[in-house]
Amino acid sequence: QVQLVESGGGSVQAGGSLRLSCAASGYRFTRPCVGWFRQAPGKEREGVAAIYRPGASITSYADSVEGRFTISQASAKNTVYLQMNSLKPEDTAMYYCAARECPGTVVPSRREYDYNYWGQGTQVTVSS
């Protein structure tokens, strides 16, 4: 059974940083893709970053976080991180990680319906 567990959320002031972790277990993907998504109250879920993990990682970012957020994987490859710098109040949301078997060597999707497995989320609150 695939299990994804997020951690690292919290409350910070604008301009601060947080690093989210997504610990994965129980999957046997040969071409895993992992995405980070967020959902603020009253808004649709947004894919902010994704990584295609085999070999040299391929990443993709939403325009709203490009240059501020970095997705990466741990050397053990069972944990994916989202380093969030220069945080803004509009980054406030519940953050989720999700995983899927990618169809090949591709730029990883940030569309939520492409992902099969989801964590429970971790809250990020940025105050001005």
C-alpha atoms as a PDB file:
ATOM      1  CA  GLN A   1       0.000   0.000   0.000  1.00  0.00           C
ATOM      2  CA  VAL A   2       1.413   3.349  -1.054  1.00  0.00           C
ATOM      3  CA  GLN A   3       1.697   5.804   1.812  1.00  0.00           C
ATOM      4  CA  LEU A   4       2.764   9.438   1.610  1.00  0.00           C
ATOM      5  CA  VAL A   5       3.366  11.479   4.745  1.00  0.00           C
ATOM      6  CA  GLU A   6       3.999  15.216   4.629  1.00  0.00           C
ATOM      7  CA  SER A   7       5.748  17.200   7.331  1.00  0.00           C
ATOM      8  CA  GLY A   8       7.469  20.533   7.842  1.00  0.00           C
ATOM      9  CA  GLY A   9       4.553  22.924   7.650  1.00  0.00           C
ATOM     10  CA  GLY A  10       4.123  25.769  10.084  1.00  0.00           C
ATOM     11  CA  SER A  11       3.688  29.503  10.499  1.00  0.00           C
ATOM     12  CA  VAL A  12       6.240  32.006   9.251  1.00  0.00           C
ATOM     13  CA  GLN A  13       6.407  35.680   8.460  1.00  0.00           C
ATOM     14  CA  ALA A  14       6.559  36.941   4.912  1.00  0.00           C
ATOM     15  CA  GLY A  15      10.050  36.570   3.499  1.00  0.00           C
ATOM     16  CA  GLY A  16      10.752  33.496   5.585  1.00  0.00           C
ATOM     17  CA  SER A  17      11.459  29.926   4.546  1.00  0.00           C
ATOM     18  CA  LEU A  18      10.123  26.459   5.195  1.00  0.00           C
ATOM     19  CA  ARG A  19      11.094  23.042   3.940  1.00  0.00           C
ATOM     20  CA  LEU A  20       8.362  20.487   3.456  1.00  0.00           C
ATOM     21  CA  SER A  21       9.092  16.766   3.342  1.00  0.00           C
ATOM     22  CA  CYS A  22       7.151  13.974   1.700  1.00  0.00           C
ATOM     23  CA  ALA A  23       8.125  10.519   2.933  1.00  0.00           C
ATOM     24  CA  ALA A  24       6.953   7.732   0.654  1.00  0.00           C
ATOM     25  CA  SER A  25       6.652   4.042   1.358  1.00  0.00           C
ATOM     26  CA  GLY A  26       5.054   0.944  -0.072  1.00  0.00           C
ATOM     27  CA  TYR A  27       5.352   1.735  -3.751  1.00  0.00           C
ATOM     28  CA  ARG A  28       7.246   0.018  -6.514  1.00  0.00           C
ATOM     29  CA  PHE A  29       7.089   2.545  -9.292  1.00  0.00           C
ATOM     30  CA  THR A  30       9.754   2.181 -11.922  1.00  0.00           C
ATOM     31  CA  ARG A  31       9.279   5.778 -13.108  1.00  0.00           C
ATOM     32  CA  PRO A  32       7.955   7.671 -10.106  1.00  0.00           C
ATOM     33  CA  CYS A  33       6.755  11.227 -10.327  1.00  0.00           C
ATOM     34  CA  VAL A  34       5.998  13.217  -7.204  1.00  0.00           C
ATOM     35  CA  GLY A  35       4.137  16.488  -7.101  1.00  0.00           C
ATOM     36  CA  TRP A  36       3.476  19.130  -4.490  1.00  0.00           C
ATOM     37  CA  PHE A  37       0.053  20.725  -4.536  1.00  0.00           C
ATOM     38  CA  ARG A  38      -1.618  23.360  -2.399  1.00  0.00           C
ATOM     39  CA  GLN A  39      -5.147  24.408  -1.666  1.00  0.00           C
ATOM     40  CA  ALA A  40      -6.195  27.595   0.051  1.00  0.00           C
ATOM     41  CA  PRO A  41      -9.691  27.989   1.512  1.00  0.00           C
ATOM     42  CA  GLY A  42     -12.206  28.664  -1.224  1.00  0.00           C
ATOM     43  CA  LYS A  43      -9.706  28.037  -4.005  1.00  0.00           C
ATOM     44  CA  GLU A  44      -8.977  25.142  -6.327  1.00  0.00           C
ATOM     45  CA  ARG A  45      -6.030  22.867  -5.715  1.00  0.00           C
ATOM     46  CA  GLU A  46      -2.916  24.115  -7.511  1.00  0.00           C
ATOM     47  CA  GLY A  47       0.078  22.088  -8.576  1.00  0.00           C
ATOM     48  CA  VAL A  48       3.135  24.059  -7.507  1.00  0.00           C
ATOM     49  CA  ALA A  49       6.030  21.718  -8.296  1.00  0.00           C
ATOM     50  CA  ALA A  50       6.719  18.218  -9.531  1.00  0.00           C
ATOM     51  CA  ILE A  51       9.712  15.974 -10.028  1.00  0.00           C
ATOM     52  CA  TYR A  52      10.401  12.997 -12.252  1.00  0.00           C
ATOM     53  CA  ARG A  53      12.752  10.988 -10.120  1.00  0.00           C
ATOM     54  CA  PRO A  54      14.663   8.289 -12.014  1.00  0.00           C
ATOM     55  CA  GLY A  55      18.242   9.233 -12.780  1.00  0.00           C
ATOM     56  CA  ALA A  56      18.742  12.933 -13.323  1.00  0.00           C
ATOM     57  CA  SER A  57      15.618  14.541 -11.971  1.00  0.00           C
ATOM     58  CA  ILE A  58      13.350  16.563 -14.224  1.00  0.00           C
ATOM     59  CA  THR A  59      11.338  19.249 -12.472  1.00  0.00           C
ATOM     60  CA  SER A  60       8.509  21.636 -13.252  1.00  0.00           C
ATOM     61  CA  TYR A  61       7.164  24.640 -11.363  1.00  0.00           C
ATOM     62  CA  ALA A  62       4.137  26.864 -11.383  1.00  0.00           C
ATOM     63  CA  ASP A  63       4.862  30.428 -12.437  1.00  0.00           C
ATOM     64  CA  SER A  64       3.708  31.630  -9.029  1.00  0.00           C
ATOM     65  CA  VAL A  65       6.582  29.829  -7.264  1.00  0.00           C
ATOM     66  CA  GLU A  66       9.303  29.691  -9.938  1.00  0.00           C
ATOM     67  CA  GLY A  67      12.566  30.957  -8.484  1.00  0.00           C
ATOM     68  CA  ARG A  68      11.319  30.757  -4.879  1.00  0.00           C
ATOM     69  CA  PHE A  69      10.489  27.061  -4.423  1.00  0.00           C
ATOM     70  CA  THR A  70      12.755  24.112  -5.143  1.00  0.00           C
ATOM     71  CA  ILE A  71      11.662  20.480  -5.337  1.00  0.00           C
ATOM     72  CA  SER A  72      14.310  17.832  -4.759  1.00  0.00           C
ATOM     73  CA  GLN A  73      14.730  14.265  -3.635  1.00  0.00           C
ATOM     74  CA  ALA A  74      16.805  12.788  -0.865  1.00  0.00           C
ATOM     75  CA  SER A  75      19.721  10.527  -1.773  1.00  0.00           C
ATOM     76  CA  ALA A  76      17.772   7.589  -0.390  1.00  0.00           C
ATOM     77  CA  LYS A  77      15.052   8.559  -2.906  1.00  0.00           C
ATOM     78  CA  ASN A  78      12.154   7.807  -0.623  1.00  0.00           C
ATOM     79  CA  THR A  79      11.728  11.428   0.448  1.00  0.00           C
ATOM     80  CA  VAL A  80      10.944  14.445  -1.687  1.00  0.00           C
ATOM     81  CA  TYR A  81      11.427  17.972  -0.384  1.00  0.00           C
ATOM     82  CA  LEU A  82       9.902  21.309  -1.210  1.00  0.00           C
ATOM     83  CA  GLN A  83      12.171  24.144  -0.143  1.00  0.00           C
ATOM     84  CA  MET A  84      10.122  27.321   0.024  1.00  0.00           C
ATOM     85  CA  ASN A  85      11.949  30.644   0.224  1.00  0.00           C
ATOM     86  CA  SER A  86      10.763  34.243   0.114  1.00  0.00           C
ATOM     87  CA  LEU A  87       7.354  33.148   1.288  1.00  0.00           C
ATOM     88  CA  LYS A  88       4.382  35.422   0.696  1.00  0.00           C
ATOM     89  CA  PRO A  89       0.988  35.574   2.425  1.00  0.00           C
ATOM     90  CA  GLU A  90      -0.566  34.216  -0.763  1.00  0.00           C
ATOM     91  CA  ASP A  91       1.447  31.020  -0.270  1.00  0.00           C
ATOM     92  CA  THR A  92      -0.764  30.230   2.723  1.00  0.00           C
ATOM     93  CA  ALA A  93      -2.488  26.903   2.042  1.00  0.00           C
ATOM     94  CA  MET A  94      -2.643  23.235   2.887  1.00  0.00           C
ATOM     95  CA  TYR A  95       0.185  21.559   1.030  1.00  0.00           C
ATOM     96  CA  TYR A  96      -0.113  18.013  -0.256  1.00  0.00           C
ATOM     97  CA  CYS A  97       2.288  15.660  -1.935  1.00  0.00           C
ATOM     98  CA  ALA A  98       1.136  13.129  -4.491  1.00  0.00           C
ATOM     99  CA  ALA A  99       2.736  10.318  -6.452  1.00  0.00           C
ATOM    100  CA  ARG A 100       2.148   8.432  -9.670  1.00  0.00           C
ATOM    101  CA  GLU A 101       3.863   6.129 -12.137  1.00  0.00           C
ATOM    102  CA  CYS A 102       4.994   8.403 -14.950  1.00  0.00           C
ATOM    103  CA  PRO A 103       4.506   7.140 -18.535  1.00  0.00           C
ATOM    104  CA  GLY A 104       8.149   7.712 -19.472  1.00  0.00           C
ATOM    105  CA  THR A 105      10.917  10.261 -19.262  1.00  0.00           C
ATOM    106  CA  VAL A 106       8.711  13.324 -19.203  1.00  0.00           C
ATOM    107  CA  VAL A 107       8.357  16.759 -17.730  1.00  0.00           C
ATOM    108  CA  PRO A 108       6.291  15.819 -14.686  1.00  0.00           C
ATOM    109  CA  SER A 109       2.668  16.868 -14.646  1.00  0.00           C
ATOM    110  CA  ARG A 110       1.289  19.304 -12.099  1.00  0.00           C
ATOM    111  CA  ARG A 111      -2.334  18.345 -12.835  1.00  0.00           C
ATOM    112  CA  GLU A 112      -3.954  16.802  -9.806  1.00  0.00           C
ATOM    113  CA  TYR A 113      -6.033  14.284 -11.747  1.00  0.00           C
ATOM    114  CA  ASP A 114      -2.834  12.693 -13.078  1.00  0.00           C
ATOM    115  CA  TYR A 115      -1.856  11.556  -9.580  1.00  0.00           C
ATOM    116  CA  ASN A 116      -3.134   8.415  -7.892  1.00  0.00           C
ATOM    117  CA  TYR A 117      -1.735   8.597  -4.391  1.00  0.00           C
ATOM    118  CA  TRP A 118      -2.014  11.471  -1.947  1.00  0.00           C
ATOM    119  CA  GLY A 119      -0.826  12.406   1.498  1.00  0.00           C
ATOM    120  CA  GLN A 120      -2.942  14.034   4.184  1.00  0.00           C
ATOM    121  CA  GLY A 121      -1.364  17.462   3.879  1.00  0.00           C
ATOM    122  CA  THR A 122       0.568  19.914   6.006  1.00  0.00           C
ATOM    123  CA  GLN A 123      -0.528  23.480   6.716  1.00  0.00           C
ATOM    124  CA  VAL A 124       1.606  26.454   5.739  1.00  0.00           C
ATOM    125  CA  THR A 125       0.632  29.886   7.037  1.00  0.00           C
ATOM    126  CA  VAL A 126       2.503  33.022   6.013  1.00  0.00           C
ATOM    127  CA  SER A 127       1.735  36.244   7.854  1.00  0.00           C
ATOM    128  CA  SER A 128       2.430  39.731   6.542  1.00  0.00           C
END
